[in-house]
Amino acid sequence: MFGNIREARYQEGQRDRDGGVLPRKDDSAYLEGYLKGRPEGLDGVMQYFPTVEDYLKWKLNPSKSSTSL
């Protein structure tokens, strides 16, 4: 059962990455799917922000993880 949930989160992360959407959840399976295929990892996410401060503001915003698809 939990394997299916993990796989669903992983696939969701890949769809968001492929769609050019920033990460929406903090779930480890979701983030793994999101970063898969991006060898630059976090640097690939930070490229969407003009400054590190903007990235940190987004990263520390608790409402981002509750955004639904």
N, C-alpha and C. Protein backbone atom coordinates (compact mmCIF):
# COMPACT_ATOMS: atom_id res chain seq x y z
N MET A 1 0.82 -1.20 0.00
CA MET A 1 0.00 0.00 0.00
C MET A 1 0.87 1.26 0.00
N PHE A 2 1.84 1.32 0.92
CA PHE A 2 2.68 2.52 1.00
C PHE A 2 3.57 2.66 -0.23
N GLY A 3 3.91 1.53 -0.85
CA GLY A 3 4.69 1.59 -2.08
C GLY A 3 3.94 2.30 -3.19
N ASN A 4 2.62 2.10 -3.23
CA ASN A 4 1.81 2.77 -4.25
C ASN A 4 1.76 4.28 -4.01
N ILE A 5 1.67 4.69 -2.75
CA ILE A 5 1.66 6.11 -2.41
C ILE A 5 3.00 6.74 -2.78
N ARG A 6 4.08 6.05 -2.45
CA ARG A 6 5.42 6.56 -2.77
C ARG A 6 5.58 6.71 -4.28
N GLU A 7 5.15 5.70 -5.02
CA GLU A 7 5.27 5.76 -6.48
C GLU A 7 4.42 6.89 -7.06
N ALA A 8 3.25 7.10 -6.50
CA ALA A 8 2.37 8.19 -6.97
C ALA A 8 3.03 9.54 -6.73
N ARG A 9 3.64 9.73 -5.55
CA ARG A 9 4.33 10.99 -5.25
C ARG A 9 5.53 11.18 -6.18
N TYR A 10 6.26 10.10 -6.42
CA TYR A 10 7.42 10.14 -7.31
C TYR A 10 6.99 10.58 -8.71
N GLN A 11 5.93 9.96 -9.22
CA GLN A 11 5.43 10.30 -10.56
C GLN A 11 4.92 11.74 -10.61
N GLU A 12 4.28 12.18 -9.53
CA GLU A 12 3.79 13.56 -9.45
C GLU A 12 4.96 14.54 -9.54
N GLY A 13 6.04 14.23 -8.84
CA GLY A 13 7.23 15.08 -8.89
C GLY A 13 7.82 15.14 -10.29
N GLN A 14 7.84 14.00 -10.97
CA GLN A 14 8.37 13.98 -12.35
C GLN A 14 7.48 14.80 -13.28
N ARG A 15 6.16 14.69 -13.13
CA ARG A 15 5.25 15.46 -13.98
C ARG A 15 5.44 16.96 -13.77
N ASP A 16 5.59 17.36 -12.51
CA ASP A 16 5.81 18.78 -12.23
C ASP A 16 7.13 19.26 -12.82
N ARG A 17 8.18 18.45 -12.66
CA ARG A 17 9.48 18.82 -13.22
C ARG A 17 9.38 18.94 -14.74
N ASP A 18 8.79 17.96 -15.38
CA ASP A 18 8.68 17.97 -16.84
C ASP A 18 7.78 19.09 -17.33
N GLY A 19 6.83 19.52 -16.49
CA GLY A 19 5.95 20.62 -16.84
C GLY A 19 6.54 21.98 -16.52
N GLY A 20 7.75 21.99 -15.94
CA GLY A 20 8.40 23.26 -15.62
C GLY A 20 7.84 23.93 -14.37
N VAL A 21 7.16 23.15 -13.53
CA VAL A 21 6.58 23.69 -12.30
C VAL A 21 7.57 23.51 -11.16
N LEU A 22 7.72 24.54 -10.33
CA LEU A 22 8.59 24.42 -9.16
C LEU A 22 8.02 23.37 -8.21
N PRO A 23 8.87 22.78 -7.37
CA PRO A 23 8.37 21.79 -6.42
C PRO A 23 7.23 22.34 -5.58
N ARG A 24 6.21 21.51 -5.38
CA ARG A 24 5.03 21.94 -4.62
C ARG A 24 4.91 21.23 -3.28
N LYS A 25 5.71 20.21 -3.08
CA LYS A 25 5.61 19.42 -1.84
C LYS A 25 7.00 19.16 -1.27
N ASP A 26 7.02 18.83 0.01
CA ASP A 26 8.28 18.51 0.67
C ASP A 26 8.47 17.00 0.85
N ASP A 27 7.53 16.20 0.37
CA ASP A 27 7.60 14.75 0.49
C ASP A 27 8.88 14.24 -0.19
N SER A 28 9.61 13.34 0.47
CA SER A 28 10.90 12.89 -0.06
C SER A 28 10.75 12.16 -1.39
N ALA A 29 9.69 11.36 -1.55
CA ALA A 29 9.48 10.66 -2.82
C ALA A 29 9.16 11.65 -3.93
N TYR A 30 8.37 12.67 -3.60
CA TYR A 30 8.03 13.70 -4.58
C TYR A 30 9.29 14.44 -5.03
N LEU A 31 10.12 14.84 -4.06
CA LEU A 31 11.34 15.57 -4.40
C LEU A 31 12.32 14.70 -5.18
N GLU A 32 12.37 13.42 -4.84
CA GLU A 32 13.23 12.50 -5.58
C GLU A 32 12.80 12.44 -7.05
N GLY A 33 11.50 12.33 -7.27
CA GLY A 33 10.98 12.32 -8.63
C GLY A 33 11.22 13.64 -9.33
N TYR A 34 11.07 14.73 -8.60
CA TYR A 34 11.27 16.06 -9.16
C TYR A 34 12.72 16.25 -9.61
N LEU A 35 13.67 15.82 -8.79
CA LEU A 35 15.08 16.05 -9.09
C LEU A 35 15.68 14.99 -10.00
N LYS A 36 14.99 13.87 -10.17
CA LYS A 36 15.51 12.81 -11.04
C LYS A 36 15.69 13.37 -12.44
N GLY A 37 16.82 13.13 -13.04
CA GLY A 37 17.08 13.65 -14.37
C GLY A 37 17.62 15.06 -14.36
N ARG A 38 17.84 15.61 -13.17
CA ARG A 38 18.45 16.94 -13.04
C ARG A 38 19.73 16.78 -12.25
N PRO A 39 20.81 16.47 -12.92
CA PRO A 39 22.06 16.22 -12.19
C PRO A 39 22.52 17.42 -11.39
N GLU A 40 22.05 18.61 -11.75
CA GLU A 40 22.45 19.79 -11.00
C GLU A 40 21.71 19.91 -9.68
N GLY A 41 20.67 19.08 -9.47
CA GLY A 41 19.93 19.05 -8.20
C GLY A 41 19.37 20.40 -7.81
N LEU A 42 19.71 20.85 -6.62
CA LEU A 42 19.16 22.09 -6.09
C LEU A 42 19.50 23.29 -6.96
N ASP A 43 20.68 23.29 -7.56
CA ASP A 43 21.05 24.40 -8.45
C ASP A 43 20.05 24.55 -9.58
N GLY A 44 19.48 23.44 -10.04
CA GLY A 44 18.48 23.49 -11.09
C GLY A 44 17.19 24.12 -10.64
N VAL A 45 16.89 24.01 -9.35
CA VAL A 45 15.70 24.65 -8.80
C VAL A 45 15.97 26.14 -8.58
N MET A 46 17.14 26.44 -8.06
CA MET A 46 17.46 27.84 -7.73
C MET A 46 17.56 28.72 -8.97
N GLN A 47 17.77 28.13 -10.13
CA GLN A 47 17.88 28.94 -11.35
C GLN A 47 16.61 29.73 -11.64
N TYR A 48 15.49 29.33 -11.06
CA TYR A 48 14.23 30.02 -11.29
C TYR A 48 14.09 31.30 -10.47
N PHE A 49 15.01 31.54 -9.57
CA PHE A 49 14.92 32.68 -8.66
C PHE A 49 16.02 33.69 -8.96
N PRO A 50 15.68 34.97 -8.95
CA PRO A 50 16.69 35.99 -9.26
C PRO A 50 17.76 36.14 -8.17
N THR A 51 17.39 35.83 -6.91
CA THR A 51 18.37 35.93 -5.82
C THR A 51 18.20 34.75 -4.87
N VAL A 52 19.23 34.50 -4.07
CA VAL A 52 19.15 33.45 -3.06
C VAL A 52 18.08 33.80 -2.03
N GLU A 53 17.94 35.08 -1.73
CA GLU A 53 16.92 35.51 -0.77
C GLU A 53 15.51 35.16 -1.26
N ASP A 54 15.27 35.33 -2.55
CA ASP A 54 13.97 34.96 -3.12
C ASP A 54 13.73 33.46 -3.02
N TYR A 55 14.78 32.68 -3.28
CA TYR A 55 14.67 31.23 -3.14
C TYR A 55 14.34 30.85 -1.70
N LEU A 56 15.07 31.42 -0.74
CA LEU A 56 14.84 31.09 0.67
C LEU A 56 13.44 31.51 1.12
N LYS A 57 12.97 32.64 0.63
CA LYS A 57 11.62 33.09 0.96
C LYS A 57 10.61 32.06 0.47
N TRP A 58 10.78 31.55 -0.76
CA TRP A 58 9.90 30.52 -1.30
C TRP A 58 10.04 29.22 -0.51
N LYS A 59 11.28 28.82 -0.24
CA LYS A 59 11.55 27.55 0.43
C LYS A 59 10.96 27.52 1.84
N LEU A 60 11.02 28.64 2.54
CA LEU A 60 10.55 28.69 3.93
C LEU A 60 9.06 29.03 4.04
N ASN A 61 8.39 29.21 2.92
CA ASN A 61 6.96 29.51 2.92
C ASN A 61 6.18 28.21 3.13
N PRO A 62 5.52 28.02 4.28
CA PRO A 62 4.83 26.76 4.55
C PRO A 62 3.64 26.51 3.64
N SER A 63 3.09 27.51 3.01
CA SER A 63 1.91 27.30 2.16
C SER A 63 2.24 26.59 0.85
N LYS A 64 3.51 26.59 0.43
CA LYS A 64 3.87 25.96 -0.84
C LYS A 64 3.64 24.45 -0.83
N SER A 65 3.83 23.81 0.34
CA SER A 65 3.67 22.37 0.40
C SER A 65 2.21 21.94 0.43
N SER A 66 1.31 22.89 0.67
CA SER A 66 -0.11 22.53 0.72
C SER A 66 -0.83 22.86 -0.57
N THR A 67 -0.10 23.35 -1.58
CA THR A 67 -0.71 23.68 -2.85
C THR A 67 -1.13 22.39 -3.55
N SER A 68 -2.35 22.34 -3.98
CA SER A 68 -2.82 21.13 -4.67
C SER A 68 -2.66 21.27 -6.16
N LEU A 69 -2.65 20.11 -6.82
CA LEU A 69 -2.54 20.11 -8.27
C LEU A 69 -3.89 20.31 -8.79
